Amino acid sequence: MELKLLSCDAQRPDKRAITKCIAEISANMNESLANELAGFLLEGDAVDIEIADKTSGSALRALRKLSIDYEIIE
């Protein structure tokens, strides 16, 4: 499943938590790339990631917990 992370609406976004979340839910992504993508997201740019279908429910829950708006691309 592909997701487009649109924005983070948290009052004080935690870049480290966002990086860790992206690295954990993404298929084949290391923490360095996840950190770079988290930086782009916090600057206001949309980011595309691919997640494994078997973890999609928990991944979407984790994103909502971090106040990250997303769009399912398929």
PDB file of N, CA and C in Angstrom:
ATOM      1  N   MET A   1       0.849  -1.171   0.000  1.00  0.00           N
ATOM      2  CA  MET A   1       0.000   0.000   0.000  1.00  0.00           C
ATOM      3  C   MET A   1       0.899   1.239   0.000  1.00  0.00           C
ATOM      4  N   GLU A   2       0.530   2.197  -0.805  1.00  0.00           N
ATOM      5  CA  GLU A   2       1.290   3.445  -0.857  1.00  0.00           C
ATOM      6  C   GLU A   2       0.506   4.557  -0.169  1.00  0.00           C
ATOM      7  N   LEU A   3       1.233   5.366   0.590  1.00  0.00           N
ATOM      8  CA  LEU A   3       0.639   6.502   1.289  1.00  0.00           C
ATOM      9  C   LEU A   3       1.355   7.775   0.886  1.00  0.00           C
ATOM     10  N   LYS A   4       0.610   8.855   0.868  1.00  0.00           N
ATOM     11  CA  LYS A   4       1.201  10.183   0.708  1.00  0.00           C
ATOM     12  C   LYS A   4       0.991  10.887   2.035  1.00  0.00           C
ATOM     13  N   LEU A   5       2.094  11.188   2.722  1.00  0.00           N
ATOM     14  CA  LEU A   5       2.025  11.930   3.976  1.00  0.00           C
ATOM     15  C   LEU A   5       1.943  13.401   3.611  1.00  0.00           C
ATOM     16  N   LEU A   6       0.852  14.043   3.995  1.00  0.00           N
ATOM     17  CA  LEU A   6       0.568  15.403   3.545  1.00  0.00           C
ATOM     18  C   LEU A   6       1.125  16.474   4.472  1.00  0.00           C
ATOM     19  N   SER A   7       0.874  16.325   5.774  1.00  0.00           N
ATOM     20  CA  SER A   7       1.323  17.341   6.721  1.00  0.00           C
ATOM     21  C   SER A   7       1.264  16.801   8.133  1.00  0.00           C
ATOM     22  N   CYS A   8       1.873  17.525   9.038  1.00  0.00           N
ATOM     23  CA  CYS A   8       1.828  17.188  10.457  1.00  0.00           C
ATOM     24  C   CYS A   8       1.218  18.380  11.179  1.00  0.00           C
ATOM     25  N   ASP A   9       0.070  18.142  11.819  1.00  0.00           N
ATOM     26  CA  ASP A   9      -0.663  19.218  12.481  1.00  0.00           C
ATOM     27  C   ASP A   9      -0.407  19.294  13.983  1.00  0.00           C
ATOM     28  N   ALA A  10       0.592  18.599  14.468  1.00  0.00           N
ATOM     29  CA  ALA A  10       0.874  18.603  15.903  1.00  0.00           C
ATOM     30  C   ALA A  10       1.333  19.989  16.352  1.00  0.00           C
ATOM     31  N   GLN A  11       0.974  20.357  17.567  1.00  0.00           N
ATOM     32  CA  GLN A  11       1.376  21.652  18.126  1.00  0.00           C
ATOM     33  C   GLN A  11       2.903  21.776  18.160  1.00  0.00           C
ATOM     34  N   ARG A  12       3.557  20.746  18.684  1.00  0.00           N
ATOM     35  CA  ARG A  12       5.025  20.690  18.729  1.00  0.00           C
ATOM     36  C   ARG A  12       5.456  19.334  18.197  1.00  0.00           C
ATOM     37  N   PRO A  13       5.629  19.202  16.876  1.00  0.00           N
ATOM     38  CA  PRO A  13       5.953  17.897  16.294  1.00  0.00           C
ATOM     39  C   PRO A  13       7.308  17.375  16.770  1.00  0.00           C
ATOM     40  N   ASP A  14       7.356  16.082  17.044  1.00  0.00           N
ATOM     41  CA  ASP A  14       8.568  15.412  17.502  1.00  0.00           C
ATOM     42  C   ASP A  14       9.217  14.725  16.304  1.00  0.00           C
ATOM     43  N   LYS A  15      10.248  15.357  15.755  1.00  0.00           N
ATOM     44  CA  LYS A  15      10.879  14.831  14.544  1.00  0.00           C
ATOM     45  C   LYS A  15      11.449  13.442  14.772  1.00  0.00           C
ATOM     46  N   ARG A  16      12.003  13.197  15.951  1.00  0.00           N
ATOM     47  CA  ARG A  16      12.583  11.888  16.241  1.00  0.00           C
ATOM     48  C   ARG A  16      11.503  10.798  16.237  1.00  0.00           C
ATOM     49  N   ALA A  17      10.344  11.084  16.812  1.00  0.00           N
ATOM     50  CA  ALA A  17       9.247  10.115  16.834  1.00  0.00           C
ATOM     51  C   ALA A  17       8.695   9.887  15.430  1.00  0.00           C
ATOM     52  N   ILE A  18       8.609  10.944  14.641  1.00  0.00           N
ATOM     53  CA  ILE A  18       8.124  10.817  13.267  1.00  0.00           C
ATOM     54  C   ILE A  18       9.106   9.988  12.444  1.00  0.00           C
ATOM     55  N   THR A  19      10.394  10.242  12.602  1.00  0.00           N
ATOM     56  CA  THR A  19      11.421   9.475  11.900  1.00  0.00           C
ATOM     57  C   THR A  19      11.323   8.000  12.250  1.00  0.00           C
ATOM     58  N   LYS A  20      11.215   7.711  13.527  1.00  0.00           N
ATOM     59  CA  LYS A  20      11.126   6.321  13.981  1.00  0.00           C
ATOM     60  C   LYS A  20       9.877   5.644  13.424  1.00  0.00           C
ATOM     61  N   CYS A  21       8.762   6.350  13.430  1.00  0.00           N
ATOM     62  CA  CYS A  21       7.510   5.809  12.903  1.00  0.00           C
ATOM     63  C   CYS A  21       7.631   5.508  11.410  1.00  0.00           C
ATOM     64  N   ILE A  22       8.170   6.438  10.638  1.00  0.00           N
ATOM     65  CA  ILE A  22       8.315   6.237   9.197  1.00  0.00           C
ATOM     66  C   ILE A  22       9.237   5.056   8.919  1.00  0.00           C
ATOM     67  N   ALA A  23      10.339   4.952   9.650  1.00  0.00           N
ATOM     68  CA  ALA A  23      11.279   3.850   9.447  1.00  0.00           C
ATOM     69  C   ALA A  23      10.643   2.509   9.792  1.00  0.00           C
ATOM     70  N   GLU A  24       9.823   2.466  10.828  1.00  0.00           N
ATOM     71  CA  GLU A  24       9.204   1.208  11.245  1.00  0.00           C
ATOM     72  C   GLU A  24       8.087   0.755  10.319  1.00  0.00           C
ATOM     73  N   ILE A  25       7.277   1.671   9.818  1.00  0.00           N
ATOM     74  CA  ILE A  25       6.123   1.264   9.014  1.00  0.00           C
ATOM     75  C   ILE A  25       6.455   1.120   7.539  1.00  0.00           C
ATOM     76  N   SER A  26       7.545   1.723   7.081  1.00  0.00           N
ATOM     77  CA  SER A  26       7.884   1.692   5.663  1.00  0.00           C
ATOM     78  C   SER A  26       8.558   0.383   5.282  1.00  0.00           C
ATOM     79  N   ALA A  27       8.267  -0.040   4.073  1.00  0.00           N
ATOM     80  CA  ALA A  27       8.924  -1.216   3.534  1.00  0.00           C
ATOM     81  C   ALA A  27      10.285  -0.799   2.976  1.00  0.00           C
ATOM     82  N   ASN A  28      11.336  -1.436   3.454  1.00  0.00           N
ATOM     83  CA  ASN A  28      12.694  -1.219   2.928  1.00  0.00           C
ATOM     84  C   ASN A  28      13.188   0.222   3.041  1.00  0.00           C
ATOM     85  N   MET A  29      13.110   0.802   4.233  1.00  0.00           N
ATOM     86  CA  MET A  29      13.613   2.162   4.429  1.00  0.00           C
ATOM     87  C   MET A  29      14.492   2.191   5.683  1.00  0.00           C
ATOM     88  N   ASN A  30      15.662   2.814   5.540  1.00  0.00           N
ATOM     89  CA  ASN A  30      16.539   2.929   6.705  1.00  0.00           C
ATOM     90  C   ASN A  30      16.231   4.220   7.464  1.00  0.00           C
ATOM     91  N   GLU A  31      16.818   4.346   8.638  1.00  0.00           N
ATOM     92  CA  GLU A  31      16.501   5.487   9.492  1.00  0.00           C
ATOM     93  C   GLU A  31      17.028   6.804   8.932  1.00  0.00           C
ATOM     94  N   SER A  32      18.115   6.759   8.185  1.00  0.00           N
ATOM     95  CA  SER A  32      18.667   7.973   7.592  1.00  0.00           C
ATOM     96  C   SER A  32      17.701   8.575   6.569  1.00  0.00           C
ATOM     97  N   LEU A  33      17.166   7.735   5.710  1.00  0.00           N
ATOM     98  CA  LEU A  33      16.197   8.208   4.724  1.00  0.00           C
ATOM     99  C   LEU A  33      14.907   8.655   5.405  1.00  0.00           C
ATOM    100  N   ALA A  34      14.485   7.923   6.432  1.00  0.00           N
ATOM    101  CA  ALA A  34      13.282   8.295   7.177  1.00  0.00           C
ATOM    102  C   ALA A  34      13.456   9.662   7.827  1.00  0.00           C
ATOM    103  N   ASN A  35      14.651   9.953   8.333  1.00  0.00           N
ATOM    104  CA  ASN A  35      14.936  11.250   8.950  1.00  0.00           C
ATOM    105  C   ASN A  35      14.841  12.369   7.916  1.00  0.00           C
ATOM    106  N   GLU A  36      15.356  12.113   6.725  1.00  0.00           N
ATOM    107  CA  GLU A  36      15.291  13.104   5.652  1.00  0.00           C
ATOM    108  C   GLU A  36      13.832  13.358   5.239  1.00  0.00           C
ATOM    109  N   LEU A  37      13.048  12.287   5.116  1.00  0.00           N
ATOM    110  CA  LEU A  37      11.639  12.433   4.745  1.00  0.00           C
ATOM    111  C   LEU A  37      10.843  13.143   5.835  1.00  0.00           C
ATOM    112  N   ALA A  38      11.157  12.869   7.099  1.00  0.00           N
ATOM    113  CA  ALA A  38      10.490  13.560   8.206  1.00  0.00           C
ATOM    114  C   ALA A  38      10.790  15.055   8.151  1.00  0.00           C
ATOM    115  N   GLY A  39      12.011  15.402   7.808  1.00  0.00           N
ATOM    116  CA  GLY A  39      12.368  16.810   7.656  1.00  0.00           C
ATOM    117  C   GLY A  39      11.558  17.483   6.559  1.00  0.00           C
ATOM    118  N   PHE A  40      11.424  16.806   5.419  1.00  0.00           N
ATOM    119  CA  PHE A  40      10.610  17.348   4.325  1.00  0.00           C
ATOM    120  C   PHE A  40       9.166  17.527   4.766  1.00  0.00           C
ATOM    121  N   LEU A  41       8.632  16.535   5.478  1.00  0.00           N
ATOM    122  CA  LEU A  41       7.247  16.593   5.933  1.00  0.00           C
ATOM    123  C   LEU A  41       7.032  17.782   6.867  1.00  0.00           C
ATOM    124  N   LEU A  42       7.956  17.998   7.779  1.00  0.00           N
ATOM    125  CA  LEU A  42       7.822  19.097   8.740  1.00  0.00           C
ATOM    126  C   LEU A  42       8.011  20.461   8.086  1.00  0.00           C
ATOM    127  N   GLU A  43       8.689  20.485   6.943  1.00  0.00           N
ATOM    128  CA  GLU A  43       8.837  21.743   6.198  1.00  0.00           C
ATOM    129  C   GLU A  43       7.608  22.055   5.360  1.00  0.00           C
ATOM    130  N   GLY A  44       6.674  21.092   5.253  1.00  0.00           N
ATOM    131  CA  GLY A  44       5.437  21.328   4.519  1.00  0.00           C
ATOM    132  C   GLY A  44       5.326  20.605   3.202  1.00  0.00           C
ATOM    133  N   ASP A  45       6.318  19.789   2.849  1.00  0.00           N
ATOM    134  CA  ASP A  45       6.271  19.034   1.595  1.00  0.00           C
ATOM    135  C   ASP A  45       5.597  17.685   1.814  1.00  0.00           C
ATOM    136  N   ALA A  46       4.848  17.237   0.822  1.00  0.00           N
ATOM    137  CA  ALA A  46       4.240  15.907   0.882  1.00  0.00           C
ATOM    138  C   ALA A  46       5.301  14.853   0.599  1.00  0.00           C
ATOM    139  N   VAL A  47       5.146  13.691   1.236  1.00  0.00           N
ATOM    140  CA  VAL A  47       6.122  12.603   1.136  1.00  0.00           C
ATOM    141  C   VAL A  47       5.383  11.310   0.803  1.00  0.00           C
ATOM    142  N   ASP A  48       5.891  10.551  -0.173  1.00  0.00           N
ATOM    143  CA  ASP A  48       5.310   9.257  -0.523  1.00  0.00           C
ATOM    144  C   ASP A  48       6.107   8.142   0.139  1.00  0.00           C
ATOM    145  N   ILE A  49       5.388   7.198   0.765  1.00  0.00           N
ATOM    146  CA  ILE A  49       6.040   6.026   1.348  1.00  0.00           C
ATOM    147  C   ILE A  49       5.228   4.790   0.990  1.00  0.00           C
ATOM    148  N   GLU A  50       5.872   3.634   1.046  1.00  0.00           N
ATOM    149  CA  GLU A  50       5.188   2.365   0.814  1.00  0.00           C
ATOM    150  C   GLU A  50       5.238   1.556   2.097  1.00  0.00           C
ATOM    151  N   ILE A  51       4.084   1.033   2.490  1.00  0.00           N
ATOM    152  CA  ILE A  51       4.033   0.220   3.697  1.00  0.00           C
ATOM    153  C   ILE A  51       3.541  -1.180   3.340  1.00  0.00           C
ATOM    154  N   ALA A  52       3.910  -2.152   4.182  1.00  0.00           N
ATOM    155  CA  ALA A  52       3.472  -3.524   3.978  1.00  0.00           C
ATOM    156  C   ALA A  52       1.990  -3.626   4.308  1.00  0.00           C
ATOM    157  N   ASP A  53       1.252  -4.351   3.493  1.00  0.00           N
ATOM    158  CA  ASP A  53      -0.191  -4.478   3.693  1.00  0.00           C
ATOM    159  C   ASP A  53      -0.546  -5.123   5.024  1.00  0.00           C
ATOM    160  N   LYS A  54       0.300  -6.019   5.517  1.00  0.00           N
ATOM    161  CA  LYS A  54      -0.026  -6.715   6.764  1.00  0.00           C
ATOM    162  C   LYS A  54       0.055  -5.796   7.982  1.00  0.00           C
ATOM    163  N   THR A  55       0.754  -4.674   7.867  1.00  0.00           N
ATOM    164  CA  THR A  55       0.866  -3.742   8.987  1.00  0.00           C
ATOM    165  C   THR A  55       0.115  -2.439   8.754  1.00  0.00           C
ATOM    166  N   SER A  56      -0.739  -2.410   7.754  1.00  0.00           N
ATOM    167  CA  SER A  56      -1.369  -1.150   7.373  1.00  0.00           C
ATOM    168  C   SER A  56      -2.249  -0.568   8.476  1.00  0.00           C
ATOM    169  N   GLY A  57      -2.984  -1.391   9.203  1.00  0.00           N
ATOM    170  CA  GLY A  57      -3.857  -0.878  10.270  1.00  0.00           C
ATOM    171  C   GLY A  57      -3.085  -0.203  11.376  1.00  0.00           C
ATOM    172  N   SER A  58      -2.034  -0.857  11.853  1.00  0.00           N
ATOM    173  CA  SER A  58      -1.240  -0.264  12.928  1.00  0.00           C
ATOM    174  C   SER A  58      -0.439   0.931  12.428  1.00  0.00           C
ATOM    175  N   ALA A  59      -0.025   0.913  11.154  1.00  0.00           N
ATOM    176  CA  ALA A  59       0.719   2.039  10.587  1.00  0.00           C
ATOM    177  C   ALA A  59      -0.151   3.286  10.522  1.00  0.00           C
ATOM    178  N   LEU A  60      -1.388   3.128  10.080  1.00  0.00           N
ATOM    179  CA  LEU A  60      -2.298   4.271   9.984  1.00  0.00           C
ATOM    180  C   LEU A  60      -2.632   4.816  11.376  1.00  0.00           C
ATOM    181  N   ARG A  61      -2.769   3.935  12.343  1.00  0.00           N
ATOM    182  CA  ARG A  61      -3.017   4.354  13.722  1.00  0.00           C
ATOM    183  C   ARG A  61      -1.834   5.152  14.276  1.00  0.00           C
ATOM    184  N   ALA A  62      -0.623   4.693  13.986  1.00  0.00           N
ATOM    185  CA  ALA A  62       0.585   5.387  14.450  1.00  0.00           C
ATOM    186  C   ALA A  62       0.684   6.781  13.834  1.00  0.00           C
ATOM    187  N   LEU A  63       0.336   6.904  12.566  1.00  0.00           N
ATOM    188  CA  LEU A  63       0.380   8.210  11.904  1.00  0.00           C
ATOM    189  C   LEU A  63      -0.647   9.166  12.499  1.00  0.00           C
ATOM    190  N   ARG A  64      -1.840   8.665  12.771  1.00  0.00           N
ATOM    191  CA  ARG A  64      -2.873   9.512  13.381  1.00  0.00           C
ATOM    192  C   ARG A  64      -2.456   9.966  14.780  1.00  0.00           C
ATOM    193  N   LYS A  65      -1.778   9.093  15.511  1.00  0.00           N
ATOM    194  CA  LYS A  65      -1.321   9.438  16.861  1.00  0.00           C
ATOM    195  C   LYS A  65      -0.310  10.583  16.824  1.00  0.00           C
ATOM    196  N   LEU A  66       0.479  10.654  15.760  1.00  0.00           N
ATOM    197  CA  LEU A  66       1.469  11.724  15.603  1.00  0.00           C
ATOM    198  C   LEU A  66       0.891  12.949  14.897  1.00  0.00           C
ATOM    199  N   SER A  67      -0.418  12.959  14.664  1.00  0.00           N
ATOM    200  CA  SER A  67      -1.125  14.063  13.985  1.00  0.00           C
ATOM    201  C   SER A  67      -0.628  14.287  12.561  1.00  0.00           C
ATOM    202  N   ILE A  68      -0.342  13.191  11.865  1.00  0.00           N
ATOM    203  CA  ILE A  68       0.104  13.267  10.476  1.00  0.00           C
ATOM    204  C   ILE A  68      -1.080  12.977   9.572  1.00  0.00           C
ATOM    205  N   ASP A  69      -1.382  13.927   8.687  1.00  0.00           N
ATOM    206  CA  ASP A  69      -2.434  13.731   7.698  1.00  0.00           C
ATOM    207  C   ASP A  69      -1.856  12.947   6.533  1.00  0.00           C
ATOM    208  N   TYR A  70      -2.620  11.991   6.031  1.00  0.00           N
ATOM    209  CA  TYR A  70      -2.146  11.155   4.944  1.00  0.00           C
ATOM    210  C   TYR A  70      -3.261  10.891   3.953  1.00  0.00           C
ATOM    211  N   GLU A  71      -2.847  10.408   2.788  1.00  0.00           N
ATOM    212  CA  GLU A  71      -3.781  10.039   1.728  1.00  0.00           C
ATOM    213  C   GLU A  71      -3.337   8.676   1.204  1.00  0.00           C
ATOM    214  N   ILE A  72      -4.284   7.764   1.051  1.00  0.00           N
ATOM    215  CA  ILE A  72      -3.964   6.438   0.544  1.00  0.00           C
ATOM    216  C   ILE A  72      -3.931   6.501  -0.978  1.00  0.00           C
ATOM    217  N   ILE A  73      -2.808   6.105  -1.549  1.00  0.00           N
ATOM    218  CA  ILE A  73      -2.624   6.135  -3.011  1.00  0.00           C
ATOM    219  C   ILE A  73      -2.968   4.786  -3.627  1.00  0.00           C
ATOM    220  N   GLU A  74      -2.735   3.692  -2.938  1.00  0.00           N
ATOM    221  CA  GLU A  74      -2.971   2.295  -3.323  1.00  0.00           C
ATOM    222  C   GLU A  74      -1.756   1.658  -3.797  1.00  0.00           C
TER     223      GLU A  74
END
